[in-house]
C-alpha atoms as a PDB file:
ATOM      1  CA  MET A   1      -1.271  44.101  64.064  1.00  0.00           C
ATOM      2  CA  ALA A   2      -2.221  40.448  64.104  1.00  0.00           C
ATOM      3  CA  TYR A   3      -4.002  39.484  67.288  1.00  0.00           C
ATOM      4  CA  ILE A   4      -5.064  35.905  67.933  1.00  0.00           C
ATOM      5  CA  ARG A   5      -6.637  34.901  71.151  1.00  0.00           C
ATOM      6  CA  GLN A   6      -6.321  31.139  71.383  1.00  0.00           C
ATOM      7  CA  PHE A   7      -6.289  29.750  75.014  1.00  0.00           C
ATOM      8  CA  GLY A   8      -5.632  26.294  73.747  1.00  0.00           C
ATOM      9  CA  ALA A   9      -2.349  27.527  72.002  1.00  0.00           C
ATOM     10  CA  ALA A  10       1.360  28.240  72.941  1.00  0.00           C
ATOM     11  CA  LEU A  11       4.179  29.608  71.073  1.00  0.00           C
ATOM     12  CA  ILE A  12       7.446  27.576  70.235  1.00  0.00           C
ATOM     13  CA  ASP A  13      10.549  28.686  68.540  1.00  0.00           C
ATOM     14  CA  TYR A  14      10.954  26.636  65.427  1.00  0.00           C
ATOM     15  CA  ARG A  15      14.690  26.319  65.600  1.00  0.00           C
ATOM     16  CA  GLY A  16      14.388  24.987  69.389  1.00  0.00           C
ATOM     17  CA  LEU A  17      11.758  22.693  68.236  1.00  0.00           C
ATOM     18  CA  VAL A  18      13.612  21.030  65.462  1.00  0.00           C
ATOM     19  CA  THR A  19      16.824  20.870  67.631  1.00  0.00           C
ATOM     20  CA  THR A  20      14.885  19.064  70.231  1.00  0.00           C
ATOM     21  CA  ILE A  21      13.452  16.596  67.848  1.00  0.00           C
ATOM     22  CA  ARG A  22      16.638  15.855  66.142  1.00  0.00           C
ATOM     23  CA  ASN A  23      18.313  15.361  69.538  1.00  0.00           C
ATOM     24  CA  ILE A  24      16.094  12.669  70.780  1.00  0.00           C
ATOM     25  CA  ALA A  25      16.826  10.576  67.824  1.00  0.00           C
ATOM     26  CA  ASP A  26      20.601  10.853  68.478  1.00  0.00           C
ATOM     27  CA  THR A  27      21.302   7.796  70.648  1.00  0.00           C
ATOM     28  CA  LYS A  28      25.117   8.491  70.674  1.00  0.00           C
ATOM     29  CA  ASP A  29      25.096  12.074  71.880  1.00  0.00           C
ATOM     30  CA  PHE A  30      21.612  12.084  73.851  1.00  0.00           C
ATOM     31  CA  SER A  31      22.088  14.299  76.952  1.00  0.00           C
ATOM     32  CA  LEU A  32      20.071  15.392  79.945  1.00  0.00           C
ATOM     33  CA  LEU A  33      19.357  18.595  78.354  1.00  0.00           C
ATOM     34  CA  HIS A  34      17.802  16.882  75.253  1.00  0.00           C
ATOM     35  CA  PHE A  35      15.595  14.736  77.529  1.00  0.00           C
ATOM     36  CA  ILE A  36      14.389  17.649  79.615  1.00  0.00           C
ATOM     37  CA  ASP A  37      13.592  19.683  76.464  1.00  0.00           C
ATOM     38  CA  TYR A  38      11.677  16.668  75.140  1.00  0.00           C
ATOM     39  CA  CYS A  39       9.678  16.579  78.409  1.00  0.00           C
ATOM     40  CA  ALA A  40       8.523  20.114  77.803  1.00  0.00           C
ATOM     41  CA  LEU A  41       7.659  19.530  74.192  1.00  0.00           C
ATOM     42  CA  ALA A  42       5.815  16.373  74.783  1.00  0.00           C
ATOM     43  CA  GLU A  43       3.621  17.942  77.415  1.00  0.00           C
ATOM     44  CA  GLY A  44       3.088  20.974  75.297  1.00  0.00           C
ATOM     45  CA  MET A  45       2.058  18.916  72.375  1.00  0.00           C
ATOM     46  CA  ILE A  46      -0.386  16.981  74.348  1.00  0.00           C
ATOM     47  CA  LEU A  47      -1.691  19.638  76.818  1.00  0.00           C
ATOM     48  CA  TYR A  48      -2.226  22.432  74.126  1.00  0.00           C
ATOM     49  CA  ASP A  49      -4.500  22.341  71.209  1.00  0.00           C
ATOM     50  CA  SER A  50      -1.642  23.488  69.032  1.00  0.00           C
ATOM     51  CA  LEU A  51       1.824  24.936  69.193  1.00  0.00           C
ATOM     52  CA  ILE A  52       2.521  28.082  67.001  1.00  0.00           C
ATOM     53  CA  MET A  53       5.910  27.768  65.395  1.00  0.00           C
ATOM     54  CA  VAL A  54       7.737  31.248  65.211  1.00  0.00           C
ATOM     55  CA  GLY A  55      11.063  32.109  63.593  1.00  0.00           C
ATOM     56  CA  ILE A  56      10.574  30.126  60.319  1.00  0.00           C
ATOM     57  CA  ASP A  57      13.024  32.087  58.070  1.00  0.00           C
ATOM     58  CA  LYS A  58      15.247  30.783  55.165  1.00  0.00           C
ATOM     59  CA  GLU A  59      17.299  33.893  55.298  1.00  0.00           C
ATOM     60  CA  ASP A  60      18.044  33.622  59.168  1.00  0.00           C
ATOM     61  CA  PRO A  61      21.208  31.660  59.857  1.00  0.00           C
ATOM     62  CA  TYR A  62      19.838  30.911  63.287  1.00  0.00           C
ATOM     63  CA  SER A  63      16.762  29.352  61.871  1.00  0.00           C
ATOM     64  CA  PHE A  64      16.351  25.851  60.196  1.00  0.00           C
ATOM     65  CA  PRO A  65      14.780  25.744  56.717  1.00  0.00           C
ATOM     66  CA  PRO A  66      11.076  25.318  56.954  1.00  0.00           C
ATOM     67  CA  TYR A  67       9.401  22.096  57.864  1.00  0.00           C
ATOM     68  CA  ASP A  68      11.815  19.228  58.643  1.00  0.00           C
ATOM     69  CA  GLY A  69      10.086  16.261  57.289  1.00  0.00           C
ATOM     70  CA  ILE A  70       9.784  14.737  60.751  1.00  0.00           C
ATOM     71  CA  LEU A  71       7.208  17.295  61.503  1.00  0.00           C
ATOM     72  CA  THR A  72       4.825  16.563  58.730  1.00  0.00           C
ATOM     73  CA  PRO A  73       2.299  14.237  60.767  1.00  0.00           C
ATOM     74  CA  PHE A  74       2.137  17.102  63.404  1.00  0.00           C
ATOM     75  CA  ILE A  75       1.560  19.860  60.946  1.00  0.00           C
ATOM     76  CA  LYS A  76      -1.215  17.761  59.167  1.00  0.00           C
ATOM     77  CA  LEU A  77      -2.940  17.307  62.445  1.00  0.00           C
ATOM     78  CA  ASN A  78      -2.588  21.037  63.322  1.00  0.00           C
ATOM     79  CA  ILE A  79      -0.567  20.145  66.372  1.00  0.00           C
ATOM     80  CA  LEU A  80       2.189  22.269  64.967  1.00  0.00           C
ATOM     81  CA  VAL A  81       1.101  25.467  63.275  1.00  0.00           C
ATOM     82  CA  PRO A  82       3.314  28.166  61.353  1.00  0.00           C
ATOM     83  CA  GLU A  83       2.793  31.650  62.806  1.00  0.00           C
ATOM     84  CA  PRO A  84       0.462  33.808  60.382  1.00  0.00           C
ATOM     85  CA  ILE A  85       2.961  36.584  59.984  1.00  0.00           C
ATOM     86  CA  LYS A  86       6.529  37.004  60.491  1.00  0.00           C
ATOM     87  CA  THR A  87       7.063  38.646  63.867  1.00  0.00           C
ATOM     88  CA  LYS A  88       9.894  40.960  64.956  1.00  0.00           C
ATOM     89  CA  PRO A  89      12.248  39.569  67.625  1.00  0.00           C
ATOM     90  CA  MET A  90      12.459  41.644  70.777  1.00  0.00           C
ATOM     91  CA  TYR A  91      15.544  43.521  71.576  1.00  0.00           C
ATOM     92  CA  LEU A  92      17.641  41.933  74.215  1.00  0.00           C
ATOM     93  CA  GLY A  93      21.045  43.763  73.863  1.00  0.00           C
ATOM     94  CA  ASN A  94      23.928  42.154  72.652  1.00  0.00           C
ATOM     95  CA  PRO A  95      24.152  38.429  72.057  1.00  0.00           C
ATOM     96  CA  PRO A  96      26.494  36.423  74.462  1.00  0.00           C
ATOM     97  CA  LYS A  97      29.978  36.072  73.206  1.00  0.00           C
ATOM     98  CA  ILE A  98      31.460  32.774  72.263  1.00  0.00           C
ATOM     99  CA  GLY A  99      34.363  31.708  74.494  1.00  0.00           C
ATOM    100  CA  LYS A 100      36.535  28.677  74.884  1.00  0.00           C
ATOM    101  CA  ASP A 101      33.573  26.210  75.845  1.00  0.00           C
ATOM    102  CA  LEU A 102      32.106  26.159  72.389  1.00  0.00           C
ATOM    103  CA  ARG A 103      29.507  23.562  73.240  1.00  0.00           C
ATOM    104  CA  ARG A 104      28.198  25.605  76.191  1.00  0.00           C
ATOM    105  CA  ASP A 105      28.408  28.915  74.608  1.00  0.00           C
ATOM    106  CA  ASN A 106      26.811  27.924  71.323  1.00  0.00           C
ATOM    107  CA  ILE A 107      23.794  26.473  73.359  1.00  0.00           C
ATOM    108  CA  LEU A 108      23.489  29.706  75.304  1.00  0.00           C
ATOM    109  CA  ARG A 109      23.812  31.835  72.131  1.00  0.00           C
ATOM    110  CA  ASP A 110      21.323  29.901  70.281  1.00  0.00           C
ATOM    111  CA  SER A 111      18.938  30.025  73.156  1.00  0.00           C
ATOM    112  CA  TRP A 112      19.397  33.909  73.232  1.00  0.00           C
ATOM    113  CA  TYR A 113      18.366  34.176  69.653  1.00  0.00           C
ATOM    114  CA  GLU A 114      15.422  31.647  70.280  1.00  0.00           C
ATOM    115  CA  THR A 115      14.088  33.706  73.184  1.00  0.00           C
ATOM    116  CA  ARG A 116      14.254  36.915  71.244  1.00  0.00           C
ATOM    117  CA  ARG A 117      11.964  35.363  68.648  1.00  0.00           C
ATOM    118  CA  LEU A 118       9.568  34.011  71.370  1.00  0.00           C
ATOM    119  CA  LEU A 119       9.259  37.385  73.080  1.00  0.00           C
ATOM    120  CA  GLY A 120       8.654  39.185  69.932  1.00  0.00           C
ATOM    121  CA  ALA A 121       5.930  36.710  69.081  1.00  0.00           C
ATOM    122  CA  GLU A 122       4.299  37.023  72.513  1.00  0.00           C
ATOM    123  CA  LYS A 123       3.960  40.728  71.982  1.00  0.00           C
ATOM    124  CA  GLU A 124       2.470  40.299  68.633  1.00  0.00           C
ATOM    125  CA  TYR A 125       0.058  37.615  69.478  1.00  0.00           C
ATOM    126  CA  HIS A 126      -0.647  37.907  73.226  1.00  0.00           C
ATOM    127  CA  ILE A 127      -0.049  34.211  73.644  1.00  0.00           C
ATOM    128  CA  PRO A 128       2.561  32.767  76.083  1.00  0.00           C
ATOM    129  CA  SER A 129       5.423  30.680  75.164  1.00  0.00           C
ATOM    130  CA  LEU A 130       6.194  27.058  75.696  1.00  0.00           C
ATOM    131  CA  ALA A 131       9.935  27.767  76.764  1.00  0.00           C
ATOM    132  CA  LEU A 132      12.297  24.861  76.704  1.00  0.00           C
ATOM    133  CA  LEU A 133      14.919  24.426  79.272  1.00  0.00           C
ATOM    134  CA  ARG A 134      17.676  25.708  76.869  1.00  0.00           C
ATOM    135  CA  GLN A 135      15.762  28.992  76.724  1.00  0.00           C
ATOM    136  CA  LYS A 136      14.720  29.216  80.298  1.00  0.00           C
ATOM    137  CA  ALA A 137      17.334  31.432  81.591  1.00  0.00           C
ATOM    138  CA  TYR A 138      16.991  34.132  79.131  1.00  0.00           C
ATOM    139  CA  TYR A 139      13.265  33.750  78.938  1.00  0.00           C
ATOM    140  CA  GLU A 140      12.593  34.229  82.618  1.00  0.00           C
ATOM    141  CA  LYS A 141      14.938  36.930  82.893  1.00  0.00           C
ATOM    142  CA  SER A 142      13.828  38.920  79.890  1.00  0.00           C
ATOM    143  CA  ALA A 143      10.136  38.375  80.232  1.00  0.00           C
ATOM    144  CA  TYR A 144      10.173  39.029  84.035  1.00  0.00           C
ATOM    145  CA  VAL A 145       8.217  35.922  84.623  1.00  0.00           C
ATOM    146  CA  ILE A 146       9.193  35.584  88.284  1.00  0.00           C
ATOM    147  CA  GLU A 147       8.228  39.235  89.032  1.00  0.00           C
ATOM    148  CA  ASP A 148       4.969  39.108  86.920  1.00  0.00           C
ATOM    149  CA  HIS A 149       3.901  35.932  88.897  1.00  0.00           C
ATOM    150  CA  SER A 150       4.678  37.630  92.148  1.00  0.00           C
ATOM    151  CA  VAL A 151       2.412  40.655  91.218  1.00  0.00           C
ATOM    152  CA  CYS A 152      -0.466  38.394  90.097  1.00  0.00           C
ATOM    153  CA  ASN A 153      -0.180  36.292  93.162  1.00  0.00           C
ATOM    154  CA  LEU A 154      -0.203  39.436  95.426  1.00  0.00           C
ATOM    155  CA  PHE A 155      -3.170  40.805  93.792  1.00  0.00           C
ATOM    156  CA  GLY A 156      -5.107  37.564  93.881  1.00  0.00           C
ATOM    157  CA  GLN A 157      -5.083  37.663  97.636  1.00  0.00           C
ATOM    158  CA  TYR A 158      -7.110  40.961  97.999  1.00  0.00           C
ATOM    159  CA  LYS A 159     -10.655  41.822  97.098  1.00  0.00           C
ATOM    160  CA  LYS A 160      -9.812  45.389  96.096  1.00  0.00           C
ATOM    161  CA  MET A 161      -6.921  46.487  94.090  1.00  0.00           C
ATOM    162  CA  SER A 162      -6.328  49.414  96.639  1.00  0.00           C
ATOM    163  CA  GLU A 163      -5.603  46.949  99.330  1.00  0.00           C
ATOM    164  CA  ALA A 164      -2.996  45.218  97.253  1.00  0.00           C
ATOM    165  CA  LEU A 165      -1.419  48.601  96.468  1.00  0.00           C
ATOM    166  CA  LEU A 166      -1.282  49.454 100.071  1.00  0.00           C
ATOM    167  CA  THR A 167       0.649  46.289 100.924  1.00  0.00           C
ATOM    168  CA  LEU A 168       3.027  46.792  98.005  1.00  0.00           C
ATOM    169  CA  ARG A 169       3.755  50.397  99.315  1.00  0.00           C
ATOM    170  CA  GLN A 170       4.438  49.095 102.865  1.00  0.00           C
ATOM    171  CA  GLN A 171       7.109  46.793 101.516  1.00  0.00           C
ATOM    172  CA  SER A 172      10.576  47.768 100.425  1.00  0.00           C
ATOM    173  CA  VAL A 173      10.852  45.011  97.878  1.00  0.00           C
ATOM    174  CA  LEU A 174       8.425  42.866  95.921  1.00  0.00           C
ATOM    175  CA  PRO A 175       7.885  39.468  97.616  1.00  0.00           C
ATOM    176  CA  ILE A 176       9.131  36.691  95.300  1.00  0.00           C
ATOM    177  CA  LYS A 177       6.981  33.781  95.623  1.00  0.00           C
ATOM    178  CA  GLN A 178       6.998  30.258  94.499  1.00  0.00           C
ATOM    179  CA  TYR A 179       5.135  29.415  91.270  1.00  0.00           C
ATOM    180  CA  ILE A 180       1.740  27.876  91.684  1.00  0.00           C
ATOM    181  CA  ILE A 181       1.974  24.200  91.520  1.00  0.00           C
ATOM    182  CA  ILE A 182      -0.607  22.285  89.438  1.00  0.00           C
ATOM    183  CA  PRO A 183      -0.699  18.521  88.922  1.00  0.00           C
ATOM    184  CA  ILE A 184      -0.650  17.144  85.555  1.00  0.00           C
ATOM    185  CA  PRO A 185      -0.222  13.429  84.328  1.00  0.00           C
ATOM    186  CA  PRO A 186       3.467  12.288  83.999  1.00  0.00           C
ATOM    187  CA  ILE A 187       3.437  12.423  80.235  1.00  0.00           C
ATOM    188  CA  PRO A 188       7.134  11.995  79.300  1.00  0.00           C
ATOM    189  CA  TYR A 189       7.285   9.026  81.621  1.00  0.00           C
ATOM    190  CA  LEU A 190       4.260   7.395  80.159  1.00  0.00           C
ATOM    191  CA  LEU A 191       5.623   7.977  76.608  1.00  0.00           C
ATOM    192  CA  LEU A 192       8.981   6.380  77.775  1.00  0.00           C
ATOM    193  CA  LYS A 193       7.179   3.155  79.040  1.00  0.00           C
ATOM    194  CA  MET A 194       5.384   2.934  75.646  1.00  0.00           C
ATOM    195  CA  SER A 195       8.557   3.262  73.651  1.00  0.00           C
ATOM    196  CA  SER A 196      11.105   0.816  72.408  1.00  0.00           C
ATOM    197  CA  TYR A 197      13.126   3.041  70.261  1.00  0.00           C
ATOM    198  CA  PRO A 198      13.915   6.800  70.329  1.00  0.00           C
ATOM    199  CA  GLU A 199      11.754   7.349  67.198  1.00  0.00           C
ATOM    200  CA  ASP A 200       8.757   5.936  69.178  1.00  0.00           C
ATOM    201  CA  LEU A 201       8.933   8.974  71.470  1.00  0.00           C
ATOM    202  CA  LEU A 202       7.450  11.175  68.756  1.00  0.00           C
ATOM    203  CA  LYS A 203       5.117   8.773  67.255  1.00  0.00           C
ATOM    204  CA  ASN A 204       3.610   7.891  70.642  1.00  0.00           C
ATOM    205  CA  ILE A 205       2.628  11.667  71.240  1.00  0.00           C
ATOM    206  CA  ILE A 206       0.253  11.272  68.470  1.00  0.00           C
ATOM    207  CA  ALA A 207      -0.940   7.942  69.533  1.00  0.00           C
ATOM    208  CA  ILE A 208      -1.979   8.943  73.002  1.00  0.00           C
ATOM    209  CA  ARG A 209      -3.000  12.685  72.193  1.00  0.00           C
ATOM    210  CA  GLU A 210      -6.740  11.920  71.852  1.00  0.00           C
ATOM    211  CA  ASP A 211      -6.628  10.218  75.447  1.00  0.00           C
ATOM    212  CA  TYR A 212      -5.963  13.685  76.784  1.00  0.00           C
ATOM    213  CA  ALA A 213      -8.665  15.703  74.773  1.00  0.00           C
ATOM    214  CA  ARG A 214     -10.816  16.239  77.972  1.00  0.00           C
ATOM    215  CA  LEU A 215      -7.718  17.285  79.980  1.00  0.00           C
ATOM    216  CA  ARG A 216      -6.879  19.821  77.138  1.00  0.00           C
ATOM    217  CA  LEU A 217     -10.299  21.170  77.300  1.00  0.00           C
ATOM    218  CA  GLU A 218     -10.202  21.613  81.053  1.00  0.00           C
ATOM    219  CA  LEU A 219      -6.856  23.349  80.909  1.00  0.00           C
ATOM    220  CA  ARG A 220      -8.072  25.644  78.055  1.00  0.00           C
ATOM    221  CA  LYS A 221     -11.102  26.593  80.351  1.00  0.00           C
ATOM    222  CA  LEU A 222      -8.757  27.421  83.149  1.00  0.00           C
ATOM    223  CA  ARG A 223      -6.541  29.734  80.985  1.00  0.00           C
ATOM    224  CA  GLU A 224      -9.545  31.326  79.622  1.00  0.00           C
ATOM    225  CA  ASP A 225     -10.894  31.936  83.081  1.00  0.00           C
ATOM    226  CA  LEU A 226      -7.673  33.413  84.272  1.00  0.00           C
ATOM    227  CA  ALA A 227      -7.518  35.783  81.246  1.00  0.00           C
ATOM    228  CA  ASP A 228     -11.107  37.060  81.823  1.00  0.00           C
ATOM    229  CA  PRO A 229     -10.583  40.737  82.600  1.00  0.00           C
ATOM    230  CA  THR A 230     -14.097  40.929  84.139  1.00  0.00           C
ATOM    231  CA  GLN A 231     -13.105  38.438  86.969  1.00  0.00           C
ATOM    232  CA  ALA A 232     -11.315  39.748  90.139  1.00  0.00           C
ATOM    233  CA  PRO A 233      -7.880  38.335  90.915  1.00  0.00           C
ATOM    234  CA  ILE A 234      -9.207  36.543  94.050  1.00  0.00           C
ATOM    235  CA  ASN A 235     -11.618  34.546  91.849  1.00  0.00           C
ATOM    236  CA  LYS A 236      -8.794  33.570  89.601  1.00  0.00           C
ATOM    237  CA  LEU A 237      -6.822  32.060  92.569  1.00  0.00           C
ATOM    238  CA  ARG A 238     -10.155  30.302  93.488  1.00  0.00           C
ATOM    239  CA  ALA A 239     -10.222  28.792  89.975  1.00  0.00           C
ATOM    240  CA  ILE A 240      -6.673  27.517  90.474  1.00  0.00           C
ATOM    241  CA  ALA A 241      -7.482  26.042  93.868  1.00  0.00           C
ATOM    242  CA  SER A 242     -10.644  24.302  92.332  1.00  0.00           C
ATOM    243  CA  TRP A 243      -8.362  22.778  89.527  1.00  0.00           C
ATOM    244  CA  ASN A 244      -6.131  21.401  92.184  1.00  0.00           C
ATOM    245  CA  LYS A 245      -9.061  19.825  94.059  1.00  0.00           C
ATOM    246  CA  SER A 246     -10.939  18.448  91.159  1.00  0.00           C
ATOM    247  CA  TRP A 247      -8.438  17.400  88.381  1.00  0.00           C
ATOM    248  CA  LEU A 248      -7.995  13.812  89.729  1.00  0.00           C
ATOM    249  CA  THR A 249     -11.628  12.944  89.090  1.00  0.00           C
ATOM    250  CA  LEU A 250     -10.876  12.947  85.464  1.00  0.00           C
ATOM    251  CA  ASP A 251     -11.019   9.238  84.676  1.00  0.00           C
ATOM    252  CA  LYS A 252      -7.503   8.428  83.212  1.00  0.00           C
ATOM    253  CA  TYR A 253      -5.389  10.362  85.671  1.00  0.00           C
ATOM    254  CA  THR A 254      -6.225   8.896  89.053  1.00  0.00           C
ATOM    255  CA  GLU A 255      -2.816   7.263  89.370  1.00  0.00           C
ATOM    256  CA  ALA A 256      -0.874  10.270  87.816  1.00  0.00           C
ATOM    257  CA  SER A 257       1.766  11.684  90.129  1.00  0.00           C
ATOM    258  CA  SER A 258       3.479  14.427  88.058  1.00  0.00           C
ATOM    259  CA  ILE A 259       3.482  18.191  88.659  1.00  0.00           C
ATOM    260  CA  SER A 260       4.136  21.306  86.479  1.00  0.00           C
ATOM    261  CA  GLU A 261       4.892  24.917  87.621  1.00  0.00           C
ATOM    262  CA  MET A 262       2.463  27.392  86.400  1.00  0.00           C
ATOM    263  CA  ALA A 263       3.554  31.003  86.259  1.00  0.00           C
ATOM    264  CA  LEU A 264       1.050  33.733  85.979  1.00  0.00           C
ATOM    265  CA  ALA A 265       1.757  37.000  84.141  1.00  0.00           C
ATOM    266  CA  THR A 266      -0.224  40.038  83.270  1.00  0.00           C
ATOM    267  CA  ASN A 267      -0.809  40.698  79.527  1.00  0.00           C
ATOM    268  CA  ASN A 268       0.940  44.008  79.406  1.00  0.00           C
ATOM    269  CA  LEU A 269       4.296  43.389  81.347  1.00  0.00           C
ATOM    270  CA  ILE A 270       6.142  42.546  78.274  1.00  0.00           C
ATOM    271  CA  ASP A 271       5.443  45.965  76.776  1.00  0.00           C
ATOM    272  CA  VAL A 272       6.643  47.413  80.057  1.00  0.00           C
ATOM    273  CA  ALA A 273      10.012  45.632  79.834  1.00  0.00           C
ATOM    274  CA  GLU A 274      10.487  47.214  76.341  1.00  0.00           C
ATOM    275  CA  THR A 275       9.679  50.613  77.737  1.00  0.00           C
ATOM    276  CA  ILE A 276      12.701  50.420  80.202  1.00  0.00           C
ATOM    277  CA  GLY A 277      15.051  49.136  77.350  1.00  0.00           C
ATOM    278  CA  GLY A 278      14.977  45.613  78.250  1.00  0.00           C
ATOM    279  CA  ILE A 279      17.541  45.992  80.977  1.00  0.00           C
ATOM    280  CA  GLY A 280      17.396  44.049  84.178  1.00  0.00           C
ATOM    281  CA  ILE A 281      15.935  45.715  87.184  1.00  0.00           C
ATOM    282  CA  ASN A 282      15.928  44.785  90.778  1.00  0.00           C
ATOM    283  CA  SER A 283      12.910  44.178  92.949  1.00  0.00           C
ATOM    284  CA  ILE A 284      12.802  47.622  94.503  1.00  0.00           C
ATOM    285  CA  GLN A 285      12.771  49.311  90.976  1.00  0.00           C
ATOM    286  CA  TRP A 286      10.158  46.746  89.958  1.00  0.00           C
ATOM    287  CA  SER A 287       7.898  47.628  92.844  1.00  0.00           C
ATOM    288  CA  THR A 288       8.083  51.422  91.991  1.00  0.00           C
ATOM    289  CA  LEU A 289       7.136  50.537  88.382  1.00  0.00           C
ATOM    290  CA  ILE A 290       4.292  48.362  89.309  1.00  0.00           C
ATOM    291  CA  GLU A 291       2.918  51.008  91.733  1.00  0.00           C
ATOM    292  CA  LYS A 292       2.772  53.460  88.945  1.00  0.00           C
ATOM    293  CA  LEU A 293       1.140  51.044  86.685  1.00  0.00           C
ATOM    294  CA  ILE A 294      -1.424  49.991  89.157  1.00  0.00           C
ATOM    295  CA  ASN A 295      -2.272  53.670  89.579  1.00  0.00           C
ATOM    296  CA  GLU A 296      -2.720  54.262  85.854  1.00  0.00           C
ATOM    297  CA  PHE A 297      -3.701  50.975  84.449  1.00  0.00           C
ATOM    298  CA  ALA A 298      -5.464  49.087  87.242  1.00  0.00           C
ATOM    299  CA  ASN A 299      -7.665  47.166  84.955  1.00  0.00           C
ATOM    300  CA  ALA A 300      -4.754  45.698  83.017  1.00  0.00           C
ATOM    301  CA  PHE A 301      -3.872  43.554  86.023  1.00  0.00           C
ATOM    302  CA  TYR A 302      -7.299  41.637  85.921  1.00  0.00           C
ATOM    303  CA  SER A 303      -6.167  39.822  82.707  1.00  0.00           C
ATOM    304  CA  TRP A 304      -3.794  37.047  83.514  1.00  0.00           C
ATOM    305  CA  ARG A 305      -1.703  34.657  81.192  1.00  0.00           C
ATOM    306  CA  VAL A 306      -0.466  31.289  82.005  1.00  0.00           C
ATOM    307  CA  ARG A 307       3.007  29.977  81.347  1.00  0.00           C
ATOM    308  CA  LEU A 308       3.978  26.374  81.872  1.00  0.00           C
ATOM    309  CA  LEU A 309       7.579  26.207  83.162  1.00  0.00           C
ATOM    310  CA  HIS A 310       9.378  22.850  83.732  1.00  0.00           C
ATOM    311  CA  LYS A 311      11.724  21.353  86.224  1.00  0.00           C
ATOM    312  CA  ALA A 312      11.780  18.049  84.627  1.00  0.00           C
ATOM    313  CA  ALA A 313      15.326  17.193  86.031  1.00  0.00           C
ATOM    314  CA  ASN A 314      13.883  17.503  89.602  1.00  0.00           C
ATOM    315  CA  ILE A 315      10.539  15.661  88.833  1.00  0.00           C
ATOM    316  CA  TYR A 316      11.727  12.839  86.566  1.00  0.00           C
ATOM    317  CA  LEU A 317      15.386  12.270  87.782  1.00  0.00           C
ATOM    318  CA  SER A 318      15.083  12.599  91.617  1.00  0.00           C
ATOM    319  CA  THR A 319      17.117  10.231  93.466  1.00  0.00           C
ATOM    320  CA  SER A 320      14.245   8.281  94.610  1.00  0.00           C
ATOM    321  CA  ASP A 321      12.813   7.705  91.169  1.00  0.00           C
ATOM    322  CA  ASP A 322      14.702   4.801  89.847  1.00  0.00           C
ATOM    323  CA  ASP A 323      11.996   3.652  87.374  1.00  0.00           C
ATOM    324  CA  ILE A 324      12.394   6.630  84.951  1.00  0.00           C
ATOM    325  CA  ARG A 325      16.122   6.068  84.775  1.00  0.00           C
ATOM    326  CA  ARG A 326      15.533   2.376  83.996  1.00  0.00           C
ATOM    327  CA  GLN A 327      13.190   3.490  81.173  1.00  0.00           C
ATOM    328  CA  LEU A 328      15.782   6.016  79.830  1.00  0.00           C
ATOM    329  CA  PHE A 329      18.522   3.348  79.985  1.00  0.00           C
ATOM    330  CA  ARG A 330      16.287   0.876  78.115  1.00  0.00           C
ATOM    331  CA  VAL A 331      15.602   3.185  75.286  1.00  0.00           C
ATOM    332  CA  TYR A 332      18.923   4.997  75.028  1.00  0.00           C
ATOM    333  CA  LYS A 333      21.317   2.636  76.854  1.00  0.00           C
ATOM    334  CA  ARG A 334      22.404   5.792  78.716  1.00  0.00           C
ATOM    335  CA  GLU A 335      22.195   6.474  82.427  1.00  0.00           C
ATOM    336  CA  PHE A 336      21.866   9.879  83.872  1.00  0.00           C
ATOM    337  CA  THR A 337      23.044  10.953  87.288  1.00  0.00           C
ATOM    338  CA  LYS A 338      23.473  13.880  89.519  1.00  0.00           C
ATOM    339  CA  VAL A 339      26.732  14.535  87.557  1.00  0.00           C
ATOM    340  CA  ASP A 340      24.735  15.230  84.498  1.00  0.00           C
ATOM    341  CA  VAL A 341      22.632  17.810  86.396  1.00  0.00           C
ATOM    342  CA  ASP A 342      25.802  19.402  87.834  1.00  0.00           C
ATOM    343  CA  ARG A 343      27.264  19.571  84.274  1.00  0.00           C
ATOM    344  CA  LEU A 344      24.064  21.470  83.215  1.00  0.00           C
ATOM    345  CA  LYS A 345      24.333  24.034  85.861  1.00  0.00           C
ATOM    346  CA  ALA A 346      28.042  24.615  85.226  1.00  0.00           C
ATOM    347  CA  ARG A 347      27.084  25.526  81.614  1.00  0.00           C
ATOM    348  CA  GLY A 348      24.702  28.188  82.932  1.00  0.00           C
ATOM    349  CA  ILE A 349      21.517  26.254  82.263  1.00  0.00           C
ATOM    350  CA  PRO A 350      19.198  26.330  85.450  1.00  0.00           C
ATOM    351  CA  ILE A 351      17.638  23.201  86.639  1.00  0.00           C
END
């Protein structure tokens, strides 16, 4: 089994990647979904050393042919890297059916296939995914990201695993807590300000990537510390607190005001999801399962993984943030409003 431990890397589905890149160049049909997925992709290309592309398969009708030409500069710089072996998609049951709303259903169906490939690669490589908004609904549900995070958050508050277990036993359900919020530079906004045409949005990623080399190094160190099984969970929460306190001292980011959600997950919970057939379970069942795992594999919960999850619609398109909308209109001659957000929600895509 291939095993690569790269704290500076994340997985990205090749089809979702190419779809996002093609969509941002489409000035006629550019949508809010396209913009939010671009936000996630831009942050990933700048805040990770590399993105490992999974799902490149000529025989798969849900995958594009290898290497769309527009990716060549990113591949040459090792910002985008093909996966070393072809991984097996994770079983997620039957794909969603195609109904009357072909536009909505095709997006959800495509994202279902993309999520299967991402989760299969996560299991193989032990590297978290950079999930796009189009994939987020299936990804969070299938990978149990929210429950995983709650477990890590709970364990981190206690010096001994037995104390966390006692708390868990005293509760009928697992507490679902908010994701940890970490500040990062407002990268998509900065890229928009630099761009005059849609194609500039990709070129400028390369143009400014070196400016963020130090920040990438600091984030890689944070991920490595959180994954260190010799460090107690409470020390990991202290490392996160230290990041929140000190990141603004990095020279170029003193005026940055963006945030990203950081979800923590243990390295073995995806395997757990497979052992129960990939079916959804409620919090009470999850608590029972976690209690069993703590008793049998306590050390496994000392190794955490970081997933960056995005709510760019809320961050970049809030009603008080007129500047980002002006920048989008300048580049695309397209203005986004709350109606666009509501339309995405109606399609089953969570914001």
